[in-house]
C-alpha atoms as a PDB file:
ATOM      1  CA  UNK A   1     123.808 -34.476  91.511  1.00  0.00           C
ATOM      2  CA  UNK A   2     122.864 -31.057  92.943  1.00  0.00           C
ATOM      3  CA  UNK A   3     119.617 -31.080  94.934  1.00  0.00           C
ATOM      4  CA  UNK A   4     117.312 -28.114  95.344  1.00  0.00           C
ATOM      5  CA  UNK A   5     117.235 -28.486  99.123  1.00  0.00           C
ATOM      6  CA  UNK A   6     121.033 -28.180  99.256  1.00  0.00           C
ATOM      7  CA  UNK A   7     120.876 -24.998  97.172  1.00  0.00           C
ATOM      8  CA  UNK A   8     118.356 -23.498  99.559  1.00  0.00           C
ATOM      9  CA  UNK A   9     120.683 -24.212 102.489  1.00  0.00           C
ATOM     10  CA  UNK A  10     123.672 -22.728 100.670  1.00  0.00           C
ATOM     11  CA  UNK A  11     121.736 -19.540  99.966  1.00  0.00           C
ATOM     12  CA  UNK A  12     120.766 -19.305 103.644  1.00  0.00           C
ATOM     13  CA  UNK A  13     124.381 -19.753 104.765  1.00  0.00           C
ATOM     14  CA  UNK A  14     125.554 -17.141 102.270  1.00  0.00           C
ATOM     15  CA  UNK A  15     122.897 -14.685 103.415  1.00  0.00           C
ATOM     16  CA  UNK A  16     123.388 -15.173 107.189  1.00  0.00           C
ATOM     17  CA  UNK A  17     127.128 -15.847 107.322  1.00  0.00           C
ATOM     18  CA  UNK A  18     127.023 -18.911 109.602  1.00  0.00           C
ATOM     19  CA  UNK A  19     125.622 -22.403 109.958  1.00  0.00           C
ATOM     20  CA  UNK A  20     123.809 -21.551 113.179  1.00  0.00           C
ATOM     21  CA  UNK A  21     122.066 -18.475 111.742  1.00  0.00           C
ATOM     22  CA  UNK A  22     121.145 -20.417 108.603  1.00  0.00           C
ATOM     23  CA  UNK A  23     119.702 -23.175 110.787  1.00  0.00           C
ATOM     24  CA  UNK A  24     117.517 -20.653 112.627  1.00  0.00           C
ATOM     25  CA  UNK A  25     116.272 -19.161 109.363  1.00  0.00           C
ATOM     26  CA  UNK A  26     115.482 -22.602 107.877  1.00  0.00           C
ATOM     27  CA  UNK A  27     113.988 -24.003 111.080  1.00  0.00           C
ATOM     28  CA  UNK A  28     116.400 -26.930 111.401  1.00  0.00           C
ATOM     29  CA  UNK A  29     119.490 -27.833 113.457  1.00  0.00           C
ATOM     30  CA  UNK A  30     123.060 -26.670 112.895  1.00  0.00           C
ATOM     31  CA  UNK A  31     124.326 -30.269 112.336  1.00  0.00           C
ATOM     32  CA  UNK A  32     121.694 -30.670 109.634  1.00  0.00           C
ATOM     33  CA  UNK A  33     122.968 -27.565 107.860  1.00  0.00           C
ATOM     34  CA  UNK A  34     126.558 -28.742 108.147  1.00  0.00           C
ATOM     35  CA  UNK A  35     125.655 -32.202 106.843  1.00  0.00           C
ATOM     36  CA  UNK A  36     123.844 -30.763 103.821  1.00  0.00           C
ATOM     37  CA  UNK A  37     126.735 -28.476 102.956  1.00  0.00           C
ATOM     38  CA  UNK A  38     129.147 -31.458 103.074  1.00  0.00           C
ATOM     39  CA  UNK A  39     126.803 -33.358 100.778  1.00  0.00           C
ATOM     40  CA  UNK A  40     126.638 -30.433  98.328  1.00  0.00           C
ATOM     41  CA  UNK A  41     130.446 -30.008  98.313  1.00  0.00           C
ATOM     42  CA  UNK A  42     130.710 -33.756  97.684  1.00  0.00           C
ATOM     43  CA  UNK A  43     128.331 -33.437  94.739  1.00  0.00           C
ATOM     44  CA  UNK A  44     130.207 -30.615  93.055  1.00  0.00           C
ATOM     45  CA  UNK A  45     133.668 -31.912  94.015  1.00  0.00           C
ATOM     46  CA  UNK A  46     135.087 -28.680  95.360  1.00  0.00           C
ATOM     47  CA  UNK A  47     134.852 -26.537  98.555  1.00  0.00           C
ATOM     48  CA  UNK A  48     132.094 -23.951  98.573  1.00  0.00           C
ATOM     49  CA  UNK A  49     132.632 -22.370 102.027  1.00  0.00           C
ATOM     50  CA  UNK A  50     135.689 -21.232 104.048  1.00  0.00           C
ATOM     51  CA  UNK A  51     135.431 -20.561 107.793  1.00  0.00           C
ATOM     52  CA  UNK A  52     136.915 -17.201 108.811  1.00  0.00           C
ATOM     53  CA  UNK A  53     136.601 -16.753 112.561  1.00  0.00           C
ATOM     54  CA  UNK A  54     132.932 -17.101 113.414  1.00  0.00           C
ATOM     55  CA  UNK A  55     131.689 -16.464 109.879  1.00  0.00           C
ATOM     56  CA  UNK A  56     131.564 -18.521 106.700  1.00  0.00           C
ATOM     57  CA  UNK A  57     132.887 -17.059 103.481  1.00  0.00           C
ATOM     58  CA  UNK A  58     132.009 -18.351  99.999  1.00  0.00           C
ATOM     59  CA  UNK A  59     134.747 -19.624  97.709  1.00  0.00           C
ATOM     60  CA  UNK A  60     134.707 -18.625  94.057  1.00  0.00           C
ATOM     61  CA  UNK A  61     132.825 -21.844  93.263  1.00  0.00           C
ATOM     62  CA  UNK A  62     130.412 -21.089  96.108  1.00  0.00           C
ATOM     63  CA  UNK A  63     129.751 -17.575  94.778  1.00  0.00           C
ATOM     64  CA  UNK A  64     129.083 -18.964  91.309  1.00  0.00           C
ATOM     65  CA  UNK A  65     126.635 -21.563  92.632  1.00  0.00           C
ATOM     66  CA  UNK A  66     124.757 -19.058  94.783  1.00  0.00           C
ATOM     67  CA  UNK A  67     124.458 -16.773  91.729  1.00  0.00           C
ATOM     68  CA  UNK A  68     122.854 -19.542  89.697  1.00  0.00           C
ATOM     69  CA  UNK A  69     120.813 -20.871  92.628  1.00  0.00           C
ATOM     70  CA  UNK A  70     118.462 -17.892  92.613  1.00  0.00           C
ATOM     71  CA  UNK A  71     117.325 -18.568  89.018  1.00  0.00           C
ATOM     72  CA  UNK A  72     117.202 -22.337  89.534  1.00  0.00           C
ATOM     73  CA  UNK A  73     115.058 -22.103  92.694  1.00  0.00           C
ATOM     74  CA  UNK A  74     112.803 -19.403  91.174  1.00  0.00           C
ATOM     75  CA  UNK A  75     112.221 -21.610  88.087  1.00  0.00           C
ATOM     76  CA  UNK A  76     111.528 -24.617  90.267  1.00  0.00           C
ATOM     77  CA  UNK A  77     109.020 -22.669  92.358  1.00  0.00           C
ATOM     78  CA  UNK A  78     107.283 -21.457  89.177  1.00  0.00           C
ATOM     79  CA  UNK A  79     107.167 -25.000  87.825  1.00  0.00           C
ATOM     80  CA  UNK A  80     105.727 -26.340  91.095  1.00  0.00           C
ATOM     81  CA  UNK A  81     103.055 -23.667  91.068  1.00  0.00           C
ATOM     82  CA  UNK A  82     102.163 -24.354  87.427  1.00  0.00           C
ATOM     83  CA  UNK A  83     101.937 -28.082  88.022  1.00  0.00           C
ATOM     84  CA  UNK A  84      99.803 -27.480  91.120  1.00  0.00           C
ATOM     85  CA  UNK A  85      97.490 -25.258  89.062  1.00  0.00           C
ATOM     86  CA  UNK A  86      97.132 -27.923  86.367  1.00  0.00           C
ATOM     87  CA  UNK A  87      96.560 -30.651  88.968  1.00  0.00           C
ATOM     88  CA  UNK A  88      93.917 -28.446  90.621  1.00  0.00           C
ATOM     89  CA  UNK A  89      92.266 -27.692  87.247  1.00  0.00           C
ATOM     90  CA  UNK A  90      92.983 -23.971  87.673  1.00  0.00           C
ATOM     91  CA  UNK A  91      94.947 -24.324  84.436  1.00  0.00           C
ATOM     92  CA  UNK A  92      95.490 -26.919  81.777  1.00  0.00           C
ATOM     93  CA  UNK A  93      95.026 -27.617  78.075  1.00  0.00           C
ATOM     94  CA  UNK A  94      93.206 -30.399  76.289  1.00  0.00           C
ATOM     95  CA  UNK A  95      93.356 -31.024  72.517  1.00  0.00           C
ATOM     96  CA  UNK A  96      90.136 -32.696  71.409  1.00  0.00           C
ATOM     97  CA  UNK A  97      89.508 -34.308  68.012  1.00  0.00           C
ATOM     98  CA  UNK A  98      85.959 -35.255  67.023  1.00  0.00           C
ATOM     99  CA  UNK A  99      84.017 -36.508  64.018  1.00  0.00           C
ATOM    100  CA  UNK A 100      81.550 -33.914  62.610  1.00  0.00           C
ATOM    101  CA  UNK A 101      78.235 -35.232  64.055  1.00  0.00           C
ATOM    102  CA  UNK A 102      79.886 -35.557  67.443  1.00  0.00           C
ATOM    103  CA  UNK A 103      81.191 -31.996  67.185  1.00  0.00           C
ATOM    104  CA  UNK A 104      77.701 -30.649  66.571  1.00  0.00           C
ATOM    105  CA  UNK A 105      75.844 -32.746  69.153  1.00  0.00           C
ATOM    106  CA  UNK A 106      77.995 -33.959  72.048  1.00  0.00           C
ATOM    107  CA  UNK A 107      80.905 -31.552  72.136  1.00  0.00           C
ATOM    108  CA  UNK A 108      79.201 -28.143  72.637  1.00  0.00           C
ATOM    109  CA  UNK A 109      77.327 -29.119  75.815  1.00  0.00           C
ATOM    110  CA  UNK A 110      80.328 -30.967  77.223  1.00  0.00           C
ATOM    111  CA  UNK A 111      82.752 -28.065  76.674  1.00  0.00           C
ATOM    112  CA  UNK A 112      80.280 -25.488  78.008  1.00  0.00           C
ATOM    113  CA  UNK A 113      79.893 -27.513  81.213  1.00  0.00           C
ATOM    114  CA  UNK A 114      83.653 -28.040  81.473  1.00  0.00           C
ATOM    115  CA  UNK A 115      84.334 -24.295  81.093  1.00  0.00           C
ATOM    116  CA  UNK A 116      81.721 -23.463  83.756  1.00  0.00           C
ATOM    117  CA  UNK A 117      83.219 -25.955  86.206  1.00  0.00           C
ATOM    118  CA  UNK A 118      86.925 -25.266  85.392  1.00  0.00           C
ATOM    119  CA  UNK A 119      87.318 -21.900  83.665  1.00  0.00           C
ATOM    120  CA  UNK A 120      91.094 -22.204  83.697  1.00  0.00           C
ATOM    121  CA  UNK A 121      91.070 -25.311  81.490  1.00  0.00           C
ATOM    122  CA  UNK A 122      91.372 -24.555  77.776  1.00  0.00           C
ATOM    123  CA  UNK A 123      90.150 -26.995  75.111  1.00  0.00           C
ATOM    124  CA  UNK A 124      90.939 -26.826  71.403  1.00  0.00           C
ATOM    125  CA  UNK A 125      88.818 -28.694  68.859  1.00  0.00           C
ATOM    126  CA  UNK A 126      89.764 -30.216  65.519  1.00  0.00           C
ATOM    127  CA  UNK A 127      87.639 -32.458  63.306  1.00  0.00           C
ATOM    128  CA  UNK A 128      88.726 -35.841  61.933  1.00  0.00           C
ATOM    129  CA  UNK A 129      86.935 -39.120  61.276  1.00  0.00           C
ATOM    130  CA  UNK A 130      88.239 -42.427  62.645  1.00  0.00           C
ATOM    131  CA  UNK A 131      90.624 -44.061  61.987  1.00  0.00           C
ATOM    132  CA  UNK A 132      92.521 -40.787  61.348  1.00  0.00           C
ATOM    133  CA  UNK A 133      91.440 -39.353  64.726  1.00  0.00           C
ATOM    134  CA  UNK A 134      92.779 -42.471  66.490  1.00  0.00           C
ATOM    135  CA  UNK A 135      96.051 -42.149  64.602  1.00  0.00           C
ATOM    136  CA  UNK A 136      96.326 -38.526  65.756  1.00  0.00           C
ATOM    137  CA  UNK A 137      95.897 -39.647  69.354  1.00  0.00           C
ATOM    138  CA  UNK A 138      98.630 -42.261  69.077  1.00  0.00           C
ATOM    139  CA  UNK A 139     100.936 -39.773  67.265  1.00  0.00           C
ATOM    140  CA  UNK A 140     100.558 -37.253  70.047  1.00  0.00           C
ATOM    141  CA  UNK A 141      98.584 -34.695  68.030  1.00  0.00           C
ATOM    142  CA  UNK A 142      95.621 -34.708  70.423  1.00  0.00           C
ATOM    143  CA  UNK A 143      94.747 -35.729  73.973  1.00  0.00           C
ATOM    144  CA  UNK A 144      91.178 -37.018  73.523  1.00  0.00           C
ATOM    145  CA  UNK A 145      89.587 -38.457  70.404  1.00  0.00           C
ATOM    146  CA  UNK A 146      85.845 -38.797  69.962  1.00  0.00           C
ATOM    147  CA  UNK A 147      85.408 -41.818  67.721  1.00  0.00           C
ATOM    148  CA  UNK A 148      82.988 -44.546  66.687  1.00  0.00           C
ATOM    149  CA  UNK A 149      82.895 -48.114  65.499  1.00  0.00           C
ATOM    150  CA  UNK A 150      80.055 -50.239  64.197  1.00  0.00           C
ATOM    151  CA  UNK A 151      78.741 -53.131  66.244  1.00  0.00           C
ATOM    152  CA  UNK A 152      79.994 -56.462  64.964  1.00  0.00           C
ATOM    153  CA  UNK A 153      82.534 -54.889  62.608  1.00  0.00           C
ATOM    154  CA  UNK A 154      85.973 -56.393  62.253  1.00  0.00           C
ATOM    155  CA  UNK A 155      88.922 -54.837  64.091  1.00  0.00           C
ATOM    156  CA  UNK A 156      87.402 -54.546  67.563  1.00  0.00           C
ATOM    157  CA  UNK A 157      90.881 -55.000  69.008  1.00  0.00           C
ATOM    158  CA  UNK A 158      92.156 -51.775  67.328  1.00  0.00           C
ATOM    159  CA  UNK A 159      91.616 -49.820  70.573  1.00  0.00           C
ATOM    160  CA  UNK A 160      93.107 -52.379  72.968  1.00  0.00           C
ATOM    161  CA  UNK A 161      96.038 -50.123  73.852  1.00  0.00           C
ATOM    162  CA  UNK A 162      93.793 -47.105  74.609  1.00  0.00           C
ATOM    163  CA  UNK A 163      91.526 -46.018  77.456  1.00  0.00           C
ATOM    164  CA  UNK A 164      87.985 -46.342  76.090  1.00  0.00           C
ATOM    165  CA  UNK A 165      85.148 -44.339  77.676  1.00  0.00           C
ATOM    166  CA  UNK A 166      81.821 -45.577  76.186  1.00  0.00           C
ATOM    167  CA  UNK A 167      79.406 -42.700  75.604  1.00  0.00           C
ATOM    168  CA  UNK A 168      76.362 -43.985  73.741  1.00  0.00           C
ATOM    169  CA  UNK A 169      74.968 -46.304  71.054  1.00  0.00           C
ATOM    170  CA  UNK A 170      73.926 -44.407  67.956  1.00  0.00           C
ATOM    171  CA  UNK A 171      71.359 -46.123  65.795  1.00  0.00           C
ATOM    172  CA  UNK A 172      71.339 -45.730  62.016  1.00  0.00           C
ATOM    173  CA  UNK A 173      68.077 -44.519  60.491  1.00  0.00           C
ATOM    174  CA  UNK A 174      66.848 -44.464  56.931  1.00  0.00           C
ATOM    175  CA  UNK A 175      66.291 -41.175  55.141  1.00  0.00           C
ATOM    176  CA  UNK A 176      63.990 -41.070  52.094  1.00  0.00           C
ATOM    177  CA  UNK A 177      62.368 -38.232  50.096  1.00  0.00           C
ATOM    178  CA  UNK A 178      58.903 -37.240  51.327  1.00  0.00           C
ATOM    179  CA  UNK A 179      57.313 -38.492  48.069  1.00  0.00           C
ATOM    180  CA  UNK A 180      59.018 -41.906  48.360  1.00  0.00           C
ATOM    181  CA  UNK A 181      56.575 -44.860  48.394  1.00  0.00           C
ATOM    182  CA  UNK A 182      57.930 -45.903  51.836  1.00  0.00           C
ATOM    183  CA  UNK A 183      58.011 -42.395  53.349  1.00  0.00           C
ATOM    184  CA  UNK A 184      55.002 -43.115  55.584  1.00  0.00           C
ATOM    185  CA  UNK A 185      56.153 -46.532  56.715  1.00  0.00           C
ATOM    186  CA  UNK A 186      56.954 -46.971  60.418  1.00  0.00           C
ATOM    187  CA  UNK A 187      59.989 -49.060  59.558  1.00  0.00           C
ATOM    188  CA  UNK A 188      61.664 -50.633  56.547  1.00  0.00           C
ATOM    189  CA  UNK A 189      64.185 -53.359  55.915  1.00  0.00           C
ATOM    190  CA  UNK A 190      67.337 -52.367  54.082  1.00  0.00           C
ATOM    191  CA  UNK A 191      66.350 -54.748  51.296  1.00  0.00           C
ATOM    192  CA  UNK A 192      63.208 -52.729  50.541  1.00  0.00           C
ATOM    193  CA  UNK A 193      65.465 -49.928  49.360  1.00  0.00           C
ATOM    194  CA  UNK A 194      67.569 -52.169  47.099  1.00  0.00           C
ATOM    195  CA  UNK A 195      66.337 -50.554  43.848  1.00  0.00           C
ATOM    196  CA  UNK A 196      66.883 -46.957  44.972  1.00  0.00           C
ATOM    197  CA  UNK A 197      69.785 -44.658  44.251  1.00  0.00           C
ATOM    198  CA  UNK A 198      71.951 -44.174  47.335  1.00  0.00           C
ATOM    199  CA  UNK A 199      73.715 -41.204  48.839  1.00  0.00           C
ATOM    200  CA  UNK A 200      76.627 -42.261  51.035  1.00  0.00           C
ATOM    201  CA  UNK A 201      78.422 -40.474  53.861  1.00  0.00           C
ATOM    202  CA  UNK A 202      81.971 -40.636  55.195  1.00  0.00           C
ATOM    203  CA  UNK A 203      84.331 -43.427  53.981  1.00  0.00           C
ATOM    204  CA  UNK A 204      83.829 -45.564  57.114  1.00  0.00           C
ATOM    205  CA  UNK A 205      80.045 -45.073  56.932  1.00  0.00           C
ATOM    206  CA  UNK A 206      80.201 -45.919  53.202  1.00  0.00           C
ATOM    207  CA  UNK A 207      81.951 -49.239  53.922  1.00  0.00           C
ATOM    208  CA  UNK A 208      79.398 -50.021  56.581  1.00  0.00           C
ATOM    209  CA  UNK A 209      76.517 -49.236  54.180  1.00  0.00           C
ATOM    210  CA  UNK A 210      77.981 -51.598  51.531  1.00  0.00           C
ATOM    211  CA  UNK A 211      78.404 -54.389  54.123  1.00  0.00           C
ATOM    212  CA  UNK A 212      74.857 -54.028  55.432  1.00  0.00           C
ATOM    213  CA  UNK A 213      73.409 -54.009  51.911  1.00  0.00           C
ATOM    214  CA  UNK A 214      75.486 -56.978  50.850  1.00  0.00           C
ATOM    215  CA  UNK A 215      74.282 -58.915  53.881  1.00  0.00           C
ATOM    216  CA  UNK A 216      70.720 -58.191  52.651  1.00  0.00           C
ATOM    217  CA  UNK A 217      71.612 -59.612  49.231  1.00  0.00           C
ATOM    218  CA  UNK A 218      72.273 -56.581  47.066  1.00  0.00           C
ATOM    219  CA  UNK A 219      74.943 -54.042  46.188  1.00  0.00           C
ATOM    220  CA  UNK A 220      73.806 -50.441  46.640  1.00  0.00           C
ATOM    221  CA  UNK A 221      73.977 -48.138  43.635  1.00  0.00           C
ATOM    222  CA  UNK A 222      75.799 -45.138  45.131  1.00  0.00           C
ATOM    223  CA  UNK A 223      75.217 -42.095  42.923  1.00  0.00           C
ATOM    224  CA  UNK A 224      76.516 -39.501  45.371  1.00  0.00           C
ATOM    225  CA  UNK A 225      79.007 -39.567  48.229  1.00  0.00           C
ATOM    226  CA  UNK A 226      79.894 -36.758  50.578  1.00  0.00           C
ATOM    227  CA  UNK A 227      81.379 -36.363  54.083  1.00  0.00           C
ATOM    228  CA  UNK A 228      78.970 -33.447  54.723  1.00  0.00           C
ATOM    229  CA  UNK A 229      75.868 -34.724  56.497  1.00  0.00           C
ATOM    230  CA  UNK A 230      73.740 -31.629  55.686  1.00  0.00           C
ATOM    231  CA  UNK A 231      74.602 -32.235  52.028  1.00  0.00           C
ATOM    232  CA  UNK A 232      73.387 -35.852  52.323  1.00  0.00           C
ATOM    233  CA  UNK A 233      70.109 -34.664  53.825  1.00  0.00           C
ATOM    234  CA  UNK A 234      69.789 -31.982  51.112  1.00  0.00           C
ATOM    235  CA  UNK A 235      70.332 -34.498  48.323  1.00  0.00           C
ATOM    236  CA  UNK A 236      67.719 -36.835  49.798  1.00  0.00           C
ATOM    237  CA  UNK A 237      65.312 -33.949  50.263  1.00  0.00           C
ATOM    238  CA  UNK A 238      65.735 -33.025  46.602  1.00  0.00           C
ATOM    239  CA  UNK A 239      64.602 -36.526  45.667  1.00  0.00           C
ATOM    240  CA  UNK A 240      67.998 -37.681  44.380  1.00  0.00           C
ATOM    241  CA  UNK A 241      68.194 -40.863  46.411  1.00  0.00           C
ATOM    242  CA  UNK A 242      67.942 -42.502  49.834  1.00  0.00           C
ATOM    243  CA  UNK A 243      70.476 -42.702  52.640  1.00  0.00           C
ATOM    244  CA  UNK A 244      71.167 -44.279  55.976  1.00  0.00           C
ATOM    245  CA  UNK A 245      72.526 -41.866  58.584  1.00  0.00           C
ATOM    246  CA  UNK A 246      73.339 -41.969  62.309  1.00  0.00           C
ATOM    247  CA  UNK A 247      70.721 -40.370  64.544  1.00  0.00           C
ATOM    248  CA  UNK A 248      73.372 -37.985  65.847  1.00  0.00           C
ATOM    249  CA  UNK A 249      73.901 -36.638  62.322  1.00  0.00           C
ATOM    250  CA  UNK A 250      70.188 -36.043  61.734  1.00  0.00           C
ATOM    251  CA  UNK A 251      69.783 -34.458  65.181  1.00  0.00           C
ATOM    252  CA  UNK A 252      71.819 -31.412  64.153  1.00  0.00           C
ATOM    253  CA  UNK A 253      70.212 -31.010  60.697  1.00  0.00           C
ATOM    254  CA  UNK A 254      66.666 -30.037  59.803  1.00  0.00           C
ATOM    255  CA  UNK A 255      65.705 -32.652  57.177  1.00  0.00           C
ATOM    256  CA  UNK A 256      63.785 -30.501  54.666  1.00  0.00           C
ATOM    257  CA  UNK A 257      61.896 -32.565  52.111  1.00  0.00           C
ATOM    258  CA  UNK A 258      63.161 -35.829  53.676  1.00  0.00           C
ATOM    259  CA  UNK A 259      61.683 -38.264  56.163  1.00  0.00           C
ATOM    260  CA  UNK A 260      63.518 -40.400  58.695  1.00  0.00           C
ATOM    261  CA  UNK A 261      62.314 -43.955  59.120  1.00  0.00           C
ATOM    262  CA  UNK A 262      63.445 -46.859  61.309  1.00  0.00           C
ATOM    263  CA  UNK A 263      65.626 -49.467  59.614  1.00  0.00           C
ATOM    264  CA  UNK A 264      65.263 -53.121  60.617  1.00  0.00           C
ATOM    265  CA  UNK A 265      67.203 -55.040  61.734  1.00  0.00           C
ATOM    266  CA  UNK A 266      68.869 -52.261  63.707  1.00  0.00           C
ATOM    267  CA  UNK A 267      72.396 -51.197  62.876  1.00  0.00           C
ATOM    268  CA  UNK A 268      74.251 -49.361  65.618  1.00  0.00           C
ATOM    269  CA  UNK A 269      77.578 -47.639  66.037  1.00  0.00           C
ATOM    270  CA  UNK A 270      79.302 -47.266  69.394  1.00  0.00           C
ATOM    271  CA  UNK A 271      80.336 -43.682  70.249  1.00  0.00           C
ATOM    272  CA  UNK A 272      83.360 -43.489  72.556  1.00  0.00           C
ATOM    273  CA  UNK A 273      85.952 -41.078  73.868  1.00  0.00           C
ATOM    274  CA  UNK A 274      89.539 -42.340  73.618  1.00  0.00           C
ATOM    275  CA  UNK A 275      92.742 -41.335  75.289  1.00  0.00           C
ATOM    276  CA  UNK A 276      96.126 -42.845  76.155  1.00  0.00           C
ATOM    277  CA  UNK A 277      96.570 -44.557  79.552  1.00  0.00           C
ATOM    278  CA  UNK A 278      99.086 -41.951  80.775  1.00  0.00           C
ATOM    279  CA  UNK A 279      96.907 -39.051  79.612  1.00  0.00           C
ATOM    280  CA  UNK A 280      93.889 -40.458  81.458  1.00  0.00           C
ATOM    281  CA  UNK A 281      95.658 -39.518  84.726  1.00  0.00           C
ATOM    282  CA  UNK A 282      95.915 -35.826  83.750  1.00  0.00           C
ATOM    283  CA  UNK A 283      93.154 -33.956  85.617  1.00  0.00           C
ATOM    284  CA  UNK A 284      92.067 -31.812  82.654  1.00  0.00           C
ATOM    285  CA  UNK A 285      91.809 -34.847  80.375  1.00  0.00           C
ATOM    286  CA  UNK A 286      89.878 -36.833  83.008  1.00  0.00           C
ATOM    287  CA  UNK A 287      87.497 -33.870  83.465  1.00  0.00           C
ATOM    288  CA  UNK A 288      86.929 -33.661  79.698  1.00  0.00           C
ATOM    289  CA  UNK A 289      86.090 -37.364  79.528  1.00  0.00           C
ATOM    290  CA  UNK A 290      83.653 -36.963  82.427  1.00  0.00           C
ATOM    291  CA  UNK A 291      81.853 -34.031  80.818  1.00  0.00           C
ATOM    292  CA  UNK A 292      81.600 -35.851  77.453  1.00  0.00           C
ATOM    293  CA  UNK A 293      79.990 -38.798  79.254  1.00  0.00           C
ATOM    294  CA  UNK A 294      77.502 -36.484  80.986  1.00  0.00           C
ATOM    295  CA  UNK A 295      76.627 -34.799  77.695  1.00  0.00           C
ATOM    296  CA  UNK A 296      76.013 -38.189  76.142  1.00  0.00           C
ATOM    297  CA  UNK A 297      73.807 -39.228  79.065  1.00  0.00           C
ATOM    298  CA  UNK A 298      71.689 -36.129  78.527  1.00  0.00           C
END
């Protein structure tokens, strides 16, 4: 196998014409130069140098290798500089996938802080709900996935192979029209809304809603379902039903004509940032996780 250090010595010998001059240029001893040339000739299986008097002359194979060495060593130097830039966060790329309410609440502050601290790091953003976002991470389509799961829900082991950075607990709140009989209540139980029409959110949130309602002894009558949280708020505000939404979702929407009320007993979802174990060692990915955690803390 040809080593880069041997190519550097060969180029020095070719440029200076002798082992001793090459040794002076490289800052090593003549025996070290001679030893490395023997090792290189052993690797390629043919002589590379011929001694003519006090000078060394390249064989045809030696000339060919020196010709290629320039490009090889230049490419290696460029690669080393690029890797050093990425390791030092002067460069780098992170592909982030987030669910919509995370995109509108946690992501903007985190990415603004990341750009200020490391302007050479570029982050792209795509939206997907779990479990699709988690699948994208495992399939190599993103580097960090902002995801959530509901406390006590089945499948807690689904992230066992991933690095999980906990960010915050997001409580679900009830959303009712302003003219609803319970609109002025400080809190309600989910059972008190059993006779209302329901407006459901994303598929995972929908399943959670059905489970919570069933645990309270009723099946919700879902008249509308949409992945768009502003649409959910708008439908509630228009008096078309009630909903249960995460606080993060309401935070980014002005609930016109609707009132948020506390639901008891509390239902929470855990917001996390996920990545693969190997990716967690990449400086740009680690910095992204850190800034997401700081944004959540704020």
